[in-house]
């Protein structure tokens, strides 16, 4: 779990972007997010918690889950020089630790930002992107349950418990202590219930427990897990809530990041299918956390969604399509092998076919762009038809220019529309034309060389070539 990635000792009182969620200073819930790990095993210049899962930084997933509880305060503990993490965490409070010296000291770093707060404190980790608000609510409810436990810890039973801290329970089921794997005896290592890292703590007793922490252990760190033993020594109860191992999955390596991505994709696909989306081969579809769908959407195999995509009712997205930064209205058909880039707006019942690329363009209701075409920086009017091989020539090497294609227009195959240019409503552009001037409504635009037929040329050509070859 993330316990092994120690945050650090506080630079006391150093707060960035201080803000308060809510106004109740004597009750409620505060959430402390530990996000100071350097992520050395990620082998990356990007801070670990900013690595994306389903297109969104891990930290954002955690903060979304936290904010769903409408907490009174959110405090994010970061490391020295992690300005990018502070910016990503805004508008939450950020406190800096320097030097790193353990998770217990990391929470201690957050205490100045919790001054005057006497509610419940949830401690979570910034590298657990599969955390849900439901899990946090469960921990909070257990902390407020009968018996008034000082701490409630998330426990889980992994398939392979190696290297995880063990939760040691008493005969009454109460939690007696958490033993880090390095410090555990052989008997303790036989315990299957492991520490999930997340805690719900009584905000009144928390400062007292943190004061008792010591770094007299194999790690030489102030471990947050030690608050359990100190709470028991004071006569306070601690409890365990067993949770889904996926929800407390911590990320320390690229391999674990890939595992988290796979788990998140499975979750997003399941949610989409529950909401009325048909996926022919779900494991081949890749979603983003912000992808939205209407009902009766059909997604064929090997479709990839980038960020900021909305899909309306009764849309069909055929196989091997890539959609990013686009909106698709009801009844449209996309693909196969289509690419919708940012700014693509596909209206009702429009057709975007195979090997078609749309960028920063509006395709209006009922329009068809069915084959081998690029439409960029343009409008295609309602019920217009764009022939195979059409290109809007939108870039002159210095600036982008706009192409406007009117309603009901017909663009013949292999046409090049050199922007800026306007094709009027109902106009026809002859196949193979290179259009450099506006075409009026209902006119025929032809811009190609005149055809000439030379009688007998073909037979004379073949004869001359044959003679040359044989000579």
Protein backbone atom coordinates (compact mmCIF):
# COMPACT_ATOMS: atom_id res chain seq x y z
CA UNK A 1 0.00 0.00 0.00
CA UNK A 2 1.09 3.62 -0.13
CA UNK A 3 2.35 3.42 3.46
CA UNK A 4 5.77 2.44 2.08
CA UNK A 5 6.01 5.67 0.07
CA UNK A 6 6.71 7.95 2.99
CA UNK A 7 5.70 11.60 2.70
CA UNK A 8 7.63 13.76 5.14
CA UNK A 9 8.20 16.05 8.06
CA UNK A 10 6.38 19.33 8.03
CA UNK A 11 7.77 22.75 7.38
CA UNK A 12 5.43 23.98 10.12
CA UNK A 13 2.84 26.57 9.24
CA UNK A 14 3.77 26.74 5.54
CA UNK A 15 0.39 26.78 3.74
CA UNK A 16 -0.33 27.36 0.07
CA UNK A 17 -3.70 28.50 -1.26
CA UNK A 18 -5.47 28.26 2.09
CA UNK A 19 -9.25 27.83 1.79
CA UNK A 20 -12.03 26.29 3.84
CA UNK A 21 -14.80 24.03 2.56
CA UNK A 22 -17.94 24.93 4.44
CA UNK A 23 -18.29 27.00 7.57
CA UNK A 24 -18.89 24.48 10.36
CA UNK A 25 -15.68 24.66 12.42
CA UNK A 26 -16.73 22.27 15.19
CA UNK A 27 -18.14 19.22 13.40
CA UNK A 28 -18.40 17.56 10.02
CA UNK A 29 -15.55 16.01 8.09
CA UNK A 30 -12.12 17.07 6.90
CA UNK A 31 -10.11 15.11 4.36
CA UNK A 32 -6.33 14.95 4.32
CA UNK A 33 -4.79 13.71 1.06
CA UNK A 34 -1.21 12.49 1.26
CA UNK A 35 0.40 13.36 -2.07
CA UNK A 36 4.03 14.12 -1.26
CA UNK A 37 5.60 10.94 -2.61
CA UNK A 38 8.28 11.59 -5.23
CA UNK A 39 7.37 8.44 -7.16
CA UNK A 40 10.97 7.43 -7.86
CA UNK A 41 9.88 4.01 -9.09
CA UNK A 42 7.76 5.65 -11.79
CA UNK A 43 11.00 6.79 -13.47
CA UNK A 44 9.35 10.04 -14.48
CA UNK A 45 9.78 13.79 -14.17
CA UNK A 46 6.03 14.07 -13.70
CA UNK A 47 4.96 13.83 -10.03
CA UNK A 48 3.43 10.42 -9.37
CA UNK A 49 -0.04 11.66 -8.43
CA UNK A 50 -0.31 13.58 -11.71
CA UNK A 51 0.03 10.49 -13.88
CA UNK A 52 -3.32 9.95 -15.60
CA UNK A 53 -5.79 7.10 -15.26
CA UNK A 54 -8.66 7.17 -17.76
CA UNK A 55 -7.34 10.51 -18.97
CA UNK A 56 -7.40 12.24 -15.58
CA UNK A 57 -4.58 12.66 -13.02
CA UNK A 58 -4.75 10.21 -10.12
CA UNK A 59 -5.00 13.09 -7.69
CA UNK A 60 -8.11 14.41 -9.45
CA UNK A 61 -9.86 11.06 -9.02
CA UNK A 62 -9.10 11.13 -5.30
CA UNK A 63 -10.22 14.74 -4.89
CA UNK A 64 -13.46 14.04 -6.77
CA UNK A 65 -14.24 11.21 -4.37
CA UNK A 66 -13.37 13.44 -1.40
CA UNK A 67 -15.44 16.42 -2.55
CA UNK A 68 -18.49 14.23 -3.11
CA UNK A 69 -18.79 14.15 0.71
CA UNK A 70 -19.07 17.96 0.79
CA UNK A 71 -16.27 18.16 3.41
CA UNK A 72 -15.64 21.15 5.61
CA UNK A 73 -11.96 21.15 4.64
CA UNK A 74 -9.67 19.41 2.18
CA UNK A 75 -5.93 19.46 2.86
CA UNK A 76 -3.40 18.09 0.38
CA UNK A 77 0.06 17.32 1.73
CA UNK A 78 2.76 17.80 -0.93
CA UNK A 79 6.53 17.62 -1.12
CA UNK A 80 9.08 20.37 -1.52
CA UNK A 81 9.10 21.87 -5.01
CA UNK A 82 5.85 20.20 -6.07
CA UNK A 83 4.23 23.35 -7.38
CA UNK A 84 2.52 21.38 -10.14
CA UNK A 85 0.77 19.22 -7.56
CA UNK A 86 -0.31 22.31 -5.60
CA UNK A 87 -1.77 23.81 -8.78
CA UNK A 88 -3.61 20.57 -9.57
CA UNK A 89 -5.00 20.41 -6.03
CA UNK A 90 -6.42 23.94 -6.03
CA UNK A 91 -8.61 25.21 -4.47
CA UNK A 92 -7.80 22.78 -1.67
CA UNK A 93 -5.35 23.74 1.06
CA UNK A 94 -1.82 22.51 0.37
CA UNK A 95 0.88 22.07 3.02
CA UNK A 96 4.52 21.33 2.27
CA UNK A 97 6.64 18.68 3.99
CA UNK A 98 10.39 18.93 4.05
CA UNK A 99 12.18 16.57 4.53
CA UNK A 100 10.18 13.34 4.05
CA UNK A 101 9.98 11.41 7.31
CA UNK A 102 6.93 9.16 7.31
CA UNK A 103 3.18 9.14 6.86
CA UNK A 104 2.44 9.99 10.48
CA UNK A 105 4.49 13.14 10.20
CA UNK A 106 2.75 13.86 6.90
CA UNK A 107 -0.60 14.01 8.69
CA UNK A 108 1.04 16.06 11.43
CA UNK A 109 1.98 18.55 8.70
CA UNK A 110 -1.72 19.04 8.00
CA UNK A 111 -2.63 19.97 11.59
CA UNK A 112 -2.15 23.75 11.17
CA UNK A 113 -4.73 23.67 8.38
CA UNK A 114 -7.10 21.76 10.70
CA UNK A 115 -6.82 24.21 13.59
CA UNK A 116 -10.16 24.57 15.36
CA UNK A 117 -11.65 21.57 13.60
CA UNK A 118 -13.13 18.88 15.87
CA UNK A 119 -15.02 16.69 13.43
CA UNK A 120 -13.88 13.51 11.72
CA UNK A 121 -10.69 13.38 9.67
CA UNK A 122 -10.39 11.05 6.71
CA UNK A 123 -6.82 10.31 5.62
CA UNK A 124 -6.46 9.14 2.02
CA UNK A 125 -3.66 8.81 -0.51
CA UNK A 126 -3.24 10.72 -3.74
CA UNK A 127 -2.12 7.62 -5.64
CA UNK A 128 -5.34 5.59 -5.15
CA UNK A 129 -7.34 6.60 -8.25
CA UNK A 130 -9.97 3.87 -7.81
CA UNK A 131 -11.10 5.27 -4.47
CA UNK A 132 -14.86 5.98 -4.35
CA UNK A 133 -16.98 8.33 -2.30
CA UNK A 134 -19.05 5.34 -1.17
CA UNK A 135 -15.99 3.82 0.48
CA UNK A 136 -15.25 7.09 2.26
CA UNK A 137 -18.84 7.28 3.47
CA UNK A 138 -18.59 3.73 4.80
CA UNK A 139 -15.46 4.60 6.78
CA UNK A 140 -17.11 7.73 8.12
CA UNK A 141 -20.23 5.87 9.20
CA UNK A 142 -18.11 3.27 10.99
CA UNK A 143 -16.18 6.01 12.81
CA UNK A 144 -19.46 7.50 14.01
CA UNK A 145 -20.96 4.15 14.99
CA UNK A 146 -21.70 2.92 18.49
CA UNK A 147 -18.57 2.65 20.61
CA UNK A 148 -17.06 5.88 19.27
CA UNK A 149 -13.84 4.31 17.90
CA UNK A 150 -10.84 6.61 17.75
CA UNK A 151 -9.86 5.22 14.36
CA UNK A 152 -11.41 3.10 11.62
CA UNK A 153 -9.02 1.53 9.13
CA UNK A 154 -9.77 0.17 5.65
CA UNK A 155 -8.69 -3.45 5.45
CA UNK A 156 -8.57 -5.80 2.50
CA UNK A 157 -7.61 -9.36 1.65
CA UNK A 158 -5.34 -9.42 -1.42
CA UNK A 159 -4.57 -12.48 -3.51
CA UNK A 160 -0.91 -11.97 -2.63
CA UNK A 161 -0.43 -10.28 0.74
CA UNK A 162 3.36 -10.11 0.48
CA UNK A 163 4.79 -6.76 1.57
CA UNK A 164 1.50 -5.34 2.90
CA UNK A 165 1.06 -4.28 6.50
CA UNK A 166 -1.05 -6.70 8.57
CA UNK A 167 -4.12 -5.84 10.65
CA UNK A 168 -3.97 -7.67 13.95
CA UNK A 169 -7.41 -8.11 15.52
CA UNK A 170 -8.33 -9.02 19.07
CA UNK A 171 -10.83 -11.67 20.10
CA UNK A 172 -13.62 -9.10 20.12
CA UNK A 173 -12.83 -8.10 16.52
CA UNK A 174 -11.32 -4.77 17.50
CA UNK A 175 -8.08 -3.71 15.85
CA UNK A 176 -5.12 -4.06 18.21
CA UNK A 177 -2.30 -2.93 15.95
CA UNK A 178 -1.04 -2.55 12.41
CA UNK A 179 2.28 -4.22 11.74
CA UNK A 180 4.32 -3.23 8.70
CA UNK A 181 5.53 -6.26 6.78
CA UNK A 182 9.17 -5.44 7.50
CA UNK A 183 8.47 -5.37 11.22
CA UNK A 184 6.08 -8.34 11.36
CA UNK A 185 6.86 -11.68 12.96
CA UNK A 186 6.39 -14.88 11.00
CA UNK A 187 3.12 -15.49 12.84
CA UNK A 188 1.86 -12.00 12.03
CA UNK A 189 2.78 -12.47 8.38
CA UNK A 190 0.35 -15.40 8.24
CA UNK A 191 -2.53 -12.95 8.77
CA UNK A 192 -4.37 -12.37 5.48
CA UNK A 193 -6.17 -9.13 6.42
CA UNK A 194 -4.00 -6.26 5.20
CA UNK A 195 -3.82 -2.52 5.69
CA UNK A 196 -5.60 -0.57 2.96
CA UNK A 197 -4.05 2.69 4.17
CA UNK A 198 -7.23 4.77 4.40
CA UNK A 199 -8.32 5.91 7.87
CA UNK A 200 -11.21 7.69 9.52
CA UNK A 201 -10.05 9.38 12.71
CA UNK A 202 -11.63 11.34 15.52
CA UNK A 203 -10.40 14.88 14.96
CA UNK A 204 -10.39 15.64 18.70
CA UNK A 205 -8.11 12.73 19.60
CA UNK A 206 -5.96 12.86 16.46
CA UNK A 207 -3.43 15.51 17.66
CA UNK A 208 -2.85 13.54 20.87
CA UNK A 209 -2.19 10.36 18.92
CA UNK A 210 0.18 12.06 16.50
CA UNK A 211 2.24 13.48 19.39
CA UNK A 212 2.96 9.95 20.61
CA UNK A 213 4.47 8.76 17.31
CA UNK A 214 8.09 7.62 17.32
CA UNK A 215 10.53 6.83 14.54
CA UNK A 216 12.10 3.95 16.49
CA UNK A 217 11.40 1.35 13.82
CA UNK A 218 13.20 -0.33 10.92
CA UNK A 219 12.12 2.46 8.56
CA UNK A 220 13.26 5.26 10.85
CA UNK A 221 9.95 7.01 10.08
CA UNK A 222 6.91 8.31 11.91
CA UNK A 223 4.27 5.85 10.73
CA UNK A 224 0.60 6.77 10.81
CA UNK A 225 -0.24 3.12 11.42
CA UNK A 226 1.22 3.42 14.94
CA UNK A 227 -1.74 5.56 16.05
CA UNK A 228 -3.68 2.31 16.49
CA UNK A 229 -1.40 1.03 19.26
CA UNK A 230 -1.38 4.42 20.96
CA UNK A 231 -5.19 4.59 20.81
CA UNK A 232 -5.49 1.14 22.39
CA UNK A 233 -2.99 2.12 25.07
CA UNK A 234 -5.24 5.07 25.93
CA UNK A 235 -8.26 2.76 26.20
CA UNK A 236 -9.78 3.87 22.88
CA UNK A 237 -11.23 1.36 20.43
CA UNK A 238 -10.09 0.95 16.82
CA UNK A 239 -12.07 -0.87 14.16
CA UNK A 240 -11.59 -2.30 10.66
CA UNK A 241 -13.88 -2.04 7.65
CA UNK A 242 -13.03 -4.60 4.98
CA UNK A 243 -13.17 -3.12 1.47
CA UNK A 244 -12.72 -4.11 -2.16
CA UNK A 245 -8.95 -4.43 -2.85
CA UNK A 246 -9.40 -2.55 -6.14
CA UNK A 247 -10.58 0.60 -4.38
CA UNK A 248 -7.43 0.88 -2.28
CA UNK A 249 -5.01 -0.01 -5.06
CA UNK A 250 -1.95 2.19 -4.63
CA UNK A 251 0.29 3.07 -7.58
CA UNK A 252 4.06 3.03 -7.29
CA UNK A 253 5.25 1.74 -10.68
CA UNK A 254 4.27 1.98 -14.35
CA UNK A 255 3.14 -1.64 -14.19
CA UNK A 256 0.77 -0.82 -11.33
CA UNK A 257 -0.41 2.23 -13.26
CA UNK A 258 -1.37 -0.08 -16.13
CA UNK A 259 -3.23 -2.34 -13.69
CA UNK A 260 -5.13 0.66 -12.34
CA UNK A 261 -5.98 1.76 -15.89
CA UNK A 262 -7.35 -1.70 -16.66
CA UNK A 263 -9.45 -1.70 -13.49
CA UNK A 264 -10.76 1.80 -14.18
CA UNK A 265 -11.66 0.89 -17.75
CA UNK A 266 -13.58 -2.11 -16.50
CA UNK A 267 -15.47 0.12 -14.06
CA UNK A 268 -16.27 2.77 -16.68
CA UNK A 269 -17.45 0.19 -19.21
CA UNK A 270 -19.68 -1.44 -16.63
CA UNK A 271 -21.21 1.92 -15.67
CA UNK A 272 -21.80 2.77 -19.34
CA UNK A 273 -23.51 -0.53 -20.05
CA UNK A 274 -25.71 -0.16 -16.98
CA UNK A 275 -26.79 3.24 -18.32
CA UNK A 276 -27.97 1.82 -21.64
CA UNK A 277 -24.88 1.48 -23.85
CA UNK A 278 -24.29 -1.67 -25.89
CA UNK A 279 -20.65 -2.66 -26.27
CA UNK A 280 -20.10 -5.51 -28.69
CA UNK A 281 -16.64 -6.27 -27.28
CA UNK A 282 -16.28 -4.26 -24.04
CA UNK A 283 -12.66 -5.15 -23.34
CA UNK A 284 -11.60 -3.46 -26.61
CA UNK A 285 -13.29 -0.13 -25.88
CA UNK A 286 -11.27 2.57 -24.07
CA UNK A 287 -13.09 5.36 -22.25
CA UNK A 288 -12.20 8.52 -20.38
CA UNK A 289 -13.57 9.44 -16.99
CA UNK A 290 -15.58 12.32 -18.50
CA UNK A 291 -17.13 10.41 -21.44
CA UNK A 292 -20.94 10.76 -21.41
CA UNK A 293 -23.49 8.63 -23.23
CA UNK A 294 -27.18 8.74 -24.01
CA UNK A 295 -29.33 5.64 -24.22
CA UNK A 296 -29.27 2.92 -26.88
CA UNK A 297 -25.76 3.79 -28.01
CA UNK A 298 -23.97 0.96 -29.82
CA UNK A 299 -20.18 0.80 -29.72
CA UNK A 300 -18.43 -1.73 -31.90
CA UNK A 301 -14.98 -3.22 -31.13
CA UNK A 302 -11.74 -1.21 -30.85
CA UNK A 303 -13.19 2.24 -30.30
CA UNK A 304 -11.06 4.75 -28.36
CA UNK A 305 -12.48 7.81 -26.59
CA UNK A 306 -10.28 10.76 -25.70
CA UNK A 307 -11.28 13.48 -23.23
CA UNK A 308 -14.37 15.69 -23.53
CA UNK A 309 -16.67 13.47 -25.57
CA UNK A 310 -20.46 13.46 -25.36
CA UNK A 311 -22.59 10.94 -27.24
CA UNK A 312 -26.35 11.29 -27.71
CA UNK A 313 -29.11 8.69 -27.90
CA UNK A 314 -29.18 6.02 -30.62
CA UNK A 315 -25.68 6.75 -31.88
CA UNK A 316 -23.70 3.96 -33.55
CA UNK A 317 -19.91 4.13 -33.39
CA UNK A 318 -18.41 1.51 -35.62
CA UNK A 319 -15.15 -0.31 -35.05
CA UNK A 320 -11.66 1.21 -34.99
CA UNK A 321 -12.87 4.79 -34.56
CA UNK A 322 -11.11 7.42 -32.43
CA UNK A 323 -13.16 10.21 -30.84
CA UNK A 324 -11.72 13.12 -28.85
CA UNK A 325 -13.09 16.52 -27.86
CA UNK A 326 -16.23 15.91 -29.91
CA UNK A 327 -20.00 15.96 -29.49
CA UNK A 328 -22.19 13.46 -31.35
CA UNK A 329 -25.93 14.11 -31.45
CA UNK A 330 -28.74 11.59 -31.48
CA UNK A 331 -28.99 9.12 -34.32
CA UNK A 332 -25.60 9.82 -35.87
CA UNK A 333 -23.39 7.07 -37.26
CA UNK A 334 -19.61 7.19 -36.93
CA UNK A 335 -17.05 4.97 -38.65
CA UNK A 336 -15.68 2.44 -39.08
CA UNK A 337 -12.13 3.82 -38.96
CA UNK A 338 -13.30 7.41 -38.37
CA UNK A 339 -11.42 10.06 -36.44
CA UNK A 340 -13.20 12.90 -34.69
CA UNK A 341 -10.78 15.49 -33.36
CA UNK A 342 -11.38 18.37 -30.91
CA UNK A 343 -14.10 20.74 -32.01
CA UNK A 344 -15.99 18.19 -34.08
CA UNK A 345 -19.74 18.70 -33.69
CA UNK A 346 -21.82 15.98 -35.33
CA UNK A 347 -25.53 16.80 -35.50
CA UNK A 348 -28.57 14.55 -35.53
CA UNK A 349 -28.61 11.66 -38.02
CA UNK A 350 -25.34 12.73 -39.67
CA UNK A 351 -23.10 10.05 -41.16
CA UNK A 352 -19.32 10.04 -40.76
CA UNK A 353 -17.86 7.09 -42.62
CA UNK A 354 -14.69 5.09 -43.04
CA UNK A 355 -11.34 6.87 -43.03
CA UNK A 356 -12.94 10.28 -42.47
CA UNK A 357 -11.29 12.87 -40.24
CA UNK A 358 -13.26 15.78 -38.77
CA UNK A 359 -11.52 18.61 -36.88
CA UNK A 360 -13.06 21.81 -35.51
CA UNK A 361 -16.05 21.50 -37.82
CA UNK A 362 -19.83 21.33 -37.60
CA UNK A 363 -21.53 18.56 -39.54
CA UNK A 364 -25.19 19.53 -39.55
CA UNK A 365 -28.27 17.32 -39.38
CA UNK A 366 -28.48 14.56 -41.96
CA UNK A 367 -25.23 15.46 -43.71
CA UNK A 368 -23.08 12.64 -45.07
CA UNK A 369 -19.29 12.47 -45.11
CA UNK A 370 -18.87 8.83 -45.90
CA UNK A 371 -15.46 8.06 -47.40
CA UNK A 372 -11.77 9.00 -47.30
CA UNK A 373 -12.27 12.68 -46.49
CA UNK A 374 -10.78 15.45 -44.35
CA UNK A 375 -13.07 18.21 -43.07
CA UNK A 376 -11.28 20.78 -40.94
CA UNK A 377 -12.28 24.29 -39.82
CA UNK A 378 -15.56 24.06 -41.67
CA UNK A 379 -19.33 23.83 -41.65
CA UNK A 380 -21.16 21.16 -43.63
CA UNK A 381 -24.80 22.15 -43.99
CA UNK A 382 -27.82 19.96 -43.32
CA UNK A 383 -28.23 17.06 -45.76
CA UNK A 384 -25.15 18.01 -47.73
CA UNK A 385 -23.24 15.13 -49.32
CA UNK A 386 -19.45 15.08 -49.37
CA UNK A 387 -17.92 12.77 -51.96
CA UNK A 388 -15.02 10.40 -51.37
CA UNK A 389 -11.57 11.97 -51.26
CA UNK A 390 -12.76 15.53 -50.57
CA UNK A 391 -10.35 17.79 -48.68
CA UNK A 392 -10.93 21.18 -47.12
CA UNK A 393 -7.56 22.85 -47.61
CA UNK A 394 -7.69 24.86 -44.41
CA UNK A 395 -4.01 25.68 -43.76
CA UNK A 396 -1.80 27.93 -45.88
CA UNK A 397 1.36 27.37 -43.88
CA UNK A 398 0.68 30.35 -41.61
CA UNK A 399 -3.00 30.41 -40.62
CA UNK A 400 -6.16 28.30 -40.63
CA UNK A 401 -9.08 29.32 -42.86
CA UNK A 402 -12.76 28.42 -42.91
CA UNK A 403 -14.78 26.47 -45.47
CA UNK A 404 -18.56 26.89 -45.48
CA UNK A 405 -20.59 24.24 -47.31
CA UNK A 406 -24.28 25.04 -47.58
CA UNK A 407 -27.32 22.90 -46.88
CA UNK A 408 -28.05 20.31 -49.53
CA UNK A 409 -24.80 20.91 -51.36
CA UNK A 410 -23.15 18.06 -53.27
CA UNK A 411 -19.36 17.87 -53.37
CA UNK A 412 -18.04 15.47 -56.01
CA UNK A 413 -15.29 12.97 -55.28
CA UNK A 414 -11.65 14.05 -55.13
CA UNK A 415 -12.47 17.73 -54.77
CA UNK A 416 -10.17 20.18 -53.00
CA UNK A 417 -11.87 23.18 -51.41
CA UNK A 418 -9.20 25.85 -50.85
CA UNK A 419 -10.21 27.93 -47.85
CA UNK A 420 -11.48 30.51 -47.28
CA UNK A 421 -14.30 29.50 -49.59
CA UNK A 422 -18.07 29.18 -49.50
CA UNK A 423 -20.20 26.62 -51.33
CA UNK A 424 -23.79 27.87 -51.49
CA UNK A 425 -26.94 25.97 -50.53
CA UNK A 426 -27.80 23.30 -53.07
CA UNK A 427 -24.65 23.91 -55.12
CA UNK A 428 -22.79 21.11 -56.89
CA UNK A 429 -19.02 20.82 -57.15
CA UNK A 430 -17.92 18.60 -60.01
CA UNK A 431 -15.72 15.63 -59.15
CA UNK A 432 -11.99 16.32 -59.30
CA UNK A 433 -12.35 20.10 -58.94
CA UNK A 434 -10.01 22.41 -57.08
CA UNK A 435 -12.28 25.20 -55.86
CA UNK A 436 -10.62 28.51 -55.03
CA UNK A 437 -13.62 30.87 -55.37
CA UNK A 438 -17.08 30.87 -53.85
CA UNK A 439 -19.70 28.75 -55.64
CA UNK A 440 -23.16 30.41 -55.64
CA UNK A 441 -26.25 28.59 -54.37
CA UNK A 442 -27.66 26.05 -56.84
CA UNK A 443 -24.68 26.57 -59.21
CA UNK A 444 -22.30 23.97 -60.63
CA UNK A 445 -18.66 24.63 -59.77
CA UNK A 446 -16.15 23.03 -62.16
CA UNK A 447 -12.41 23.65 -61.79
CA UNK A 448 -10.45 21.06 -63.73
CA UNK A 449 -8.64 20.68 -67.05
CA UNK A 450 -10.78 20.07 -70.15
CA UNK A 451 -10.70 16.44 -71.32
CA UNK A 452 -9.21 15.71 -74.76
CA UNK A 453 -9.51 12.40 -76.68
CA UNK A 454 -6.81 11.63 -79.32
CA UNK A 455 -8.09 8.96 -81.70
CA UNK A 456 -5.83 5.92 -82.22
CA UNK A 457 -3.21 7.08 -79.72
CA UNK A 458 -3.43 4.00 -77.50
CA UNK A 459 -2.66 1.45 -80.25
CA UNK A 460 0.21 3.56 -81.66
CA UNK A 461 1.67 3.92 -78.15
CA UNK A 462 1.62 0.19 -77.50
CA UNK A 463 3.16 -0.59 -80.87
CA UNK A 464 6.02 1.83 -80.35
CA UNK A 465 6.77 0.49 -76.91
CA UNK A 466 6.75 -3.12 -78.13
CA UNK A 467 9.13 -2.29 -80.96
CA UNK A 468 11.50 -0.52 -78.60
CA UNK A 469 11.49 -3.46 -76.19
CA UNK A 470 12.22 -6.02 -78.95
CA UNK A 471 14.82 -3.89 -80.69
